């Protein structure tokens, strides 16, 4: 087991990472400020996600916040800076990106969608504004029934600018996305699951997320990555392209060492031992 920091000491170690048995435990680590987003947190999220993206030993990521909250959104310093037209997220020290997300806030949320492995967000307490948008970058969201979620930007005279306007309609429908965004109302985890903003609820979302992560980590990592690639294309490419991609992926899997091991282990009634995915 190893521990890594998603940001260096100068940035306050805003994101902490522990990797064990293929599961990366990623935690926003600013509990005294409800894990609020500041330039160091933006930088920590992006650099952590990019490092995990290149780590073949990582099969699943669990994303959560230390303390009682997931992330309460922008910290008050960012709002105070806006009064003079300053955008503190733009001061995050990051190398250029060649992906679709360019702004630091967008990258802090979208980097989790860019990972080749599944990302599970465990949400308890507050997931507000930018904090909710970070959770939207995950593939699966398990939330506490009493968690508080809000597309809160309009309350501050703003819009969601961390990929939320593009991701939210895909999850809850365009009309519900507009209602949540234009009112800024806060919903609990139970309603979030009902409308599709959350995958499901659990009284202990972190424990549930790790249980799910361990289950996924025990599957053929090449098949898991291929499934994520295909499912992420659904509705974003035409059917002919999607069907063709499906055949390419299945062709690469059939007869591969890990697929053979999955079959062999099933017949032998033992746990499979897979090679790491590149």
Protein backbone atom coordinates (compact mmCIF):
# COMPACT_ATOMS: atom_id res chain seq x y z
CA UNK A 1 0.00 0.00 0.00
CA UNK A 2 1.32 3.42 -0.85
CA UNK A 3 0.29 6.96 -0.03
CA UNK A 4 0.67 9.82 -2.43
CA UNK A 5 -0.23 13.48 -2.23
CA UNK A 6 -2.21 15.04 -5.04
CA UNK A 7 -0.52 18.36 -4.38
CA UNK A 8 2.84 19.17 -2.88
CA UNK A 9 3.56 20.69 0.52
CA UNK A 10 3.52 24.18 -0.93
CA UNK A 11 -0.04 23.66 -2.10
CA UNK A 12 -1.15 22.40 1.30
CA UNK A 13 -1.62 18.73 0.39
CA UNK A 14 -5.23 19.39 -0.55
CA UNK A 15 -5.80 15.91 -2.03
CA UNK A 16 -4.60 12.72 -0.39
CA UNK A 17 -4.30 9.36 -2.13
CA UNK A 18 -3.81 5.81 -0.89
CA UNK A 19 -3.64 2.93 -3.37
CA UNK A 20 -4.28 -0.61 -2.17
CA UNK A 21 -5.12 -3.76 -4.16
CA UNK A 22 -5.94 -1.76 -7.26
CA UNK A 23 -8.29 0.68 -5.49
CA UNK A 24 -7.23 4.31 -5.23
CA UNK A 25 -8.70 6.09 -2.20
CA UNK A 26 -8.75 9.78 -3.21
CA UNK A 27 -9.84 12.28 -0.59
CA UNK A 28 -10.28 16.03 -0.72
CA UNK A 29 -8.35 17.01 2.37
CA UNK A 30 -9.45 20.36 3.69
CA UNK A 31 -12.03 19.30 6.28
CA UNK A 32 -11.74 22.45 8.38
CA UNK A 33 -13.06 24.38 5.35
CA UNK A 34 -15.59 21.70 4.32
CA UNK A 35 -13.16 20.75 1.53
CA UNK A 36 -13.93 24.03 -0.21
CA UNK A 37 -12.29 24.70 -3.57
CA UNK A 38 -9.35 27.11 -3.73
CA UNK A 39 -6.52 27.27 -6.30
CA UNK A 40 -4.52 24.64 -4.41
CA UNK A 41 -7.51 22.28 -4.36
CA UNK A 42 -8.09 22.75 -8.09
CA UNK A 43 -4.42 21.99 -8.76
CA UNK A 44 -4.45 19.01 -6.41
CA UNK A 45 -7.49 17.46 -8.06
CA UNK A 46 -6.12 17.85 -11.57
CA UNK A 47 -2.60 16.61 -10.83
CA UNK A 48 -3.93 13.67 -8.82
CA UNK A 49 -6.34 12.61 -11.54
CA UNK A 50 -3.71 12.92 -14.26
CA UNK A 51 -1.23 10.85 -12.27
CA UNK A 52 -3.79 8.10 -11.61
CA UNK A 53 -4.74 8.11 -15.28
CA UNK A 54 -1.22 6.93 -16.11
CA UNK A 55 -0.97 4.30 -13.34
CA UNK A 56 -1.68 0.80 -14.69
CA UNK A 57 -1.92 -0.61 -11.15
CA UNK A 58 -5.09 1.43 -10.47
CA UNK A 59 -8.28 -0.42 -11.39
CA UNK A 60 -10.91 1.69 -9.59
CA UNK A 61 -10.97 5.09 -7.90
CA UNK A 62 -13.07 6.05 -4.87
CA UNK A 63 -13.44 9.84 -4.59
CA UNK A 64 -14.60 11.36 -1.30
CA UNK A 65 -14.00 14.19 1.14
CA UNK A 66 -12.34 14.02 4.53
CA UNK A 67 -14.57 15.03 7.41
CA UNK A 68 -18.36 15.35 7.28
CA UNK A 69 -18.61 16.90 3.79
CA UNK A 70 -17.76 15.96 0.23
CA UNK A 71 -17.11 19.53 -0.93
CA UNK A 72 -18.99 22.71 -0.10
CA UNK A 73 -17.99 24.46 -3.34
CA UNK A 74 -15.84 27.55 -3.79
CA UNK A 75 -14.32 29.02 -0.66
CA UNK A 76 -15.32 32.50 0.41
CA UNK A 77 -12.02 33.99 -0.74
CA UNK A 78 -12.97 33.18 -4.32
CA UNK A 79 -16.29 35.03 -4.00
CA UNK A 80 -14.58 38.03 -2.43
CA UNK A 81 -12.08 38.14 -5.30
CA UNK A 82 -14.92 38.14 -7.82
CA UNK A 83 -16.06 41.52 -6.55
CA UNK A 84 -13.02 42.99 -8.29
CA UNK A 85 -13.37 40.76 -11.33
CA UNK A 86 -10.64 38.33 -10.27
CA UNK A 87 -10.99 34.61 -10.89
CA UNK A 88 -8.84 32.74 -8.38
CA UNK A 89 -9.24 29.37 -10.07
CA UNK A 90 -7.27 30.82 -13.01
CA UNK A 91 -4.26 31.17 -10.70
CA UNK A 92 -3.97 27.41 -10.16
CA UNK A 93 -0.52 26.29 -11.26
CA UNK A 94 -1.15 23.70 -13.97
CA UNK A 95 0.50 22.70 -17.25
CA UNK A 96 -1.56 23.20 -20.42
CA UNK A 97 -4.21 20.62 -21.29
CA UNK A 98 -4.82 19.05 -24.69
CA UNK A 99 -8.27 17.78 -23.68
CA UNK A 100 -11.70 19.41 -24.10
CA UNK A 101 -11.59 20.88 -20.59
CA UNK A 102 -9.29 23.90 -20.50
CA UNK A 103 -10.15 26.00 -17.43
CA UNK A 104 -8.77 24.78 -14.09
CA UNK A 105 -12.26 24.27 -12.65
CA UNK A 106 -13.37 22.25 -15.66
CA UNK A 107 -10.26 20.11 -15.48
CA UNK A 108 -10.76 19.44 -11.76
CA UNK A 109 -14.12 17.84 -12.56
CA UNK A 110 -13.50 16.36 -16.00
CA UNK A 111 -10.19 14.66 -15.17
CA UNK A 112 -12.19 11.93 -13.39
CA UNK A 113 -14.25 11.27 -16.51
CA UNK A 114 -11.01 11.02 -18.50
CA UNK A 115 -9.65 8.19 -16.39
CA UNK A 116 -9.77 4.83 -18.13
CA UNK A 117 -10.97 3.14 -14.94
CA UNK A 118 -14.30 3.58 -13.10
CA UNK A 119 -14.52 6.41 -10.57
CA UNK A 120 -17.00 6.11 -7.70
CA UNK A 121 -17.88 9.23 -5.72
CA UNK A 122 -18.94 8.70 -2.11
CA UNK A 123 -20.95 11.76 -1.08
CA UNK A 124 -21.96 12.71 2.42
CA UNK A 125 -22.74 16.10 3.88
CA UNK A 126 -22.51 18.99 1.45
CA UNK A 127 -21.84 18.69 -2.29
CA UNK A 128 -22.61 22.21 -3.42
CA UNK A 129 -21.84 24.21 -6.55
CA UNK A 130 -18.37 23.31 -7.74
CA UNK A 131 -18.30 20.46 -5.26
CA UNK A 132 -21.28 18.86 -6.96
CA UNK A 133 -19.64 19.34 -10.35
CA UNK A 134 -16.55 17.45 -9.14
CA UNK A 135 -18.85 14.58 -8.16
CA UNK A 136 -20.44 14.72 -11.62
CA UNK A 137 -17.07 13.75 -13.06
CA UNK A 138 -17.41 10.32 -11.45
CA UNK A 139 -18.99 7.36 -13.22
CA UNK A 140 -21.05 6.36 -10.17
CA UNK A 141 -22.28 8.46 -7.24
CA UNK A 142 -23.29 6.81 -3.96
CA UNK A 143 -24.79 9.39 -1.60
CA UNK A 144 -26.04 9.49 1.96
CA UNK A 145 -29.84 9.94 2.15
CA UNK A 146 -29.36 13.18 4.10
CA UNK A 147 -26.57 14.56 1.89
CA UNK A 148 -27.16 18.10 0.60
CA UNK A 149 -26.65 18.66 -3.13
CA UNK A 150 -27.17 21.86 -5.06
CA UNK A 151 -26.35 23.50 -8.37
CA UNK A 152 -25.85 26.60 -6.29
CA UNK A 153 -24.08 28.99 -8.65
CA UNK A 154 -27.17 31.08 -9.48
CA UNK A 155 -27.47 32.00 -5.79
CA UNK A 156 -24.17 33.84 -6.21
CA UNK A 157 -25.19 35.34 -9.56
CA UNK A 158 -23.17 32.80 -11.53
CA UNK A 159 -23.55 29.74 -13.76
CA UNK A 160 -22.02 26.28 -13.39
CA UNK A 161 -18.69 26.53 -15.23
CA UNK A 162 -16.96 23.30 -14.21
CA UNK A 163 -18.56 21.13 -16.96
CA UNK A 164 -21.92 21.05 -15.15
CA UNK A 165 -23.98 22.64 -17.92
CA UNK A 166 -22.92 19.87 -20.29
CA UNK A 167 -22.95 16.87 -17.93
CA UNK A 168 -26.04 17.54 -15.82
CA UNK A 169 -28.68 17.32 -18.61
CA UNK A 170 -27.34 13.92 -19.61
CA UNK A 171 -28.00 12.61 -16.10
CA UNK A 172 -31.31 14.17 -15.11
CA UNK A 173 -32.79 15.41 -18.39
CA UNK A 174 -32.68 18.91 -19.82
CA UNK A 175 -35.80 20.16 -18.02
CA UNK A 176 -34.75 18.99 -14.56
CA UNK A 177 -31.23 20.33 -15.16
CA UNK A 178 -32.72 23.73 -15.94
CA UNK A 179 -34.95 23.68 -12.86
CA UNK A 180 -32.04 22.83 -10.56
CA UNK A 181 -29.68 25.31 -12.21
CA UNK A 182 -32.10 28.23 -12.42
CA UNK A 183 -33.32 27.94 -8.82
CA UNK A 184 -30.21 26.74 -7.00
CA UNK A 185 -32.43 24.74 -4.66
CA UNK A 186 -30.84 22.16 -2.38
CA UNK A 187 -32.01 18.56 -2.56
CA UNK A 188 -31.22 15.60 -0.33
CA UNK A 189 -29.60 12.35 -1.35
CA UNK A 190 -32.90 10.53 -1.60
CA UNK A 191 -34.26 12.96 -4.18
CA UNK A 192 -30.90 12.99 -5.97
CA UNK A 193 -31.15 9.22 -6.47
CA UNK A 194 -34.77 9.48 -7.58
CA UNK A 195 -34.02 12.00 -10.34
CA UNK A 196 -30.79 10.33 -11.51
CA UNK A 197 -28.32 12.82 -10.05
CA UNK A 198 -27.06 10.04 -7.78
CA UNK A 199 -26.75 6.36 -8.63
CA UNK A 200 -28.12 5.19 -5.29
CA UNK A 201 -28.18 6.03 -1.60
CA UNK A 202 -26.50 4.31 1.31
CA UNK A 203 -26.30 5.22 4.98
CA UNK A 204 -22.52 4.74 4.74
CA UNK A 205 -21.64 5.84 1.20
CA UNK A 206 -17.90 5.46 1.70
CA UNK A 207 -18.15 1.85 2.85
CA UNK A 208 -20.56 1.10 0.01
CA UNK A 209 -18.22 2.74 -2.51
CA UNK A 210 -15.28 0.65 -1.35
CA UNK A 211 -17.33 -2.55 -1.43
CA UNK A 212 -18.32 -1.79 -5.02
CA UNK A 213 -14.75 -0.78 -5.91
CA UNK A 214 -13.35 -4.05 -4.60
CA UNK A 215 -15.91 -5.99 -6.60
CA UNK A 216 -15.01 -4.14 -9.82
CA UNK A 217 -11.28 -4.42 -9.09
CA UNK A 218 -11.73 -8.20 -9.07
CA UNK A 219 -12.91 -8.23 -12.70
CA UNK A 220 -10.79 -8.39 -15.85
CA UNK A 221 -9.27 -4.87 -15.93
CA UNK A 222 -9.15 -4.85 -19.73
CA UNK A 223 -12.87 -5.67 -19.90
CA UNK A 224 -13.68 -2.98 -17.31
CA UNK A 225 -11.78 -0.33 -19.24
CA UNK A 226 -13.36 -1.41 -22.52
CA UNK A 227 -16.84 -1.29 -21.00
CA UNK A 228 -16.26 2.23 -19.71
CA UNK A 229 -15.04 3.37 -23.13
CA UNK A 230 -18.09 1.93 -24.86
CA UNK A 231 -20.63 3.21 -22.34
CA UNK A 232 -19.11 6.68 -22.46
CA UNK A 233 -19.68 6.71 -26.23
CA UNK A 234 -23.36 5.78 -25.96
CA UNK A 235 -25.56 8.64 -27.14
CA UNK A 236 -22.49 10.66 -28.15
CA UNK A 237 -21.73 8.85 -31.40
CA UNK A 238 -24.03 7.42 -34.07
CA UNK A 239 -25.17 3.81 -33.75
CA UNK A 240 -22.96 2.53 -36.55
CA UNK A 241 -19.89 3.95 -34.83
CA UNK A 242 -20.94 2.58 -31.46
CA UNK A 243 -21.74 -0.89 -32.81
CA UNK A 244 -18.41 -1.00 -34.67
CA UNK A 245 -16.50 0.01 -31.54
CA UNK A 246 -18.28 -2.74 -29.62
CA UNK A 247 -17.00 -5.35 -32.11
CA UNK A 248 -13.45 -3.99 -31.97
CA UNK A 249 -13.43 -4.23 -28.16
CA UNK A 250 -14.90 -7.75 -28.02
CA UNK A 251 -12.46 -8.90 -30.69
CA UNK A 252 -9.55 -7.69 -28.59
CA UNK A 253 -10.87 -9.37 -25.44
CA UNK A 254 -11.78 -12.84 -26.68
CA UNK A 255 -8.87 -15.19 -26.16
CA UNK A 256 -6.74 -12.58 -24.42
CA UNK A 257 -4.80 -13.76 -21.33
CA UNK A 258 -7.09 -11.99 -18.87
CA UNK A 259 -10.25 -13.26 -20.58
CA UNK A 260 -8.90 -16.81 -20.53
CA UNK A 261 -8.03 -16.37 -16.87
CA UNK A 262 -11.59 -15.20 -16.11
CA UNK A 263 -13.01 -18.35 -17.70
CA UNK A 264 -10.44 -20.63 -16.06
CA UNK A 265 -10.98 -19.14 -12.61
CA UNK A 266 -14.76 -19.41 -12.94
CA UNK A 267 -14.59 -23.11 -13.80
CA UNK A 268 -12.04 -23.73 -11.05
CA UNK A 269 -14.14 -21.77 -8.55
CA UNK A 270 -11.20 -19.63 -7.48
CA UNK A 271 -10.35 -15.95 -7.50
CA UNK A 272 -8.82 -14.85 -10.83
CA UNK A 273 -5.32 -13.41 -11.03
CA UNK A 274 -5.25 -10.78 -13.75
CA UNK A 275 -2.44 -8.97 -15.51
CA UNK A 276 -2.53 -5.20 -15.13
CA UNK A 277 -4.09 -3.19 -17.95
CA UNK A 278 -1.69 -0.80 -19.72
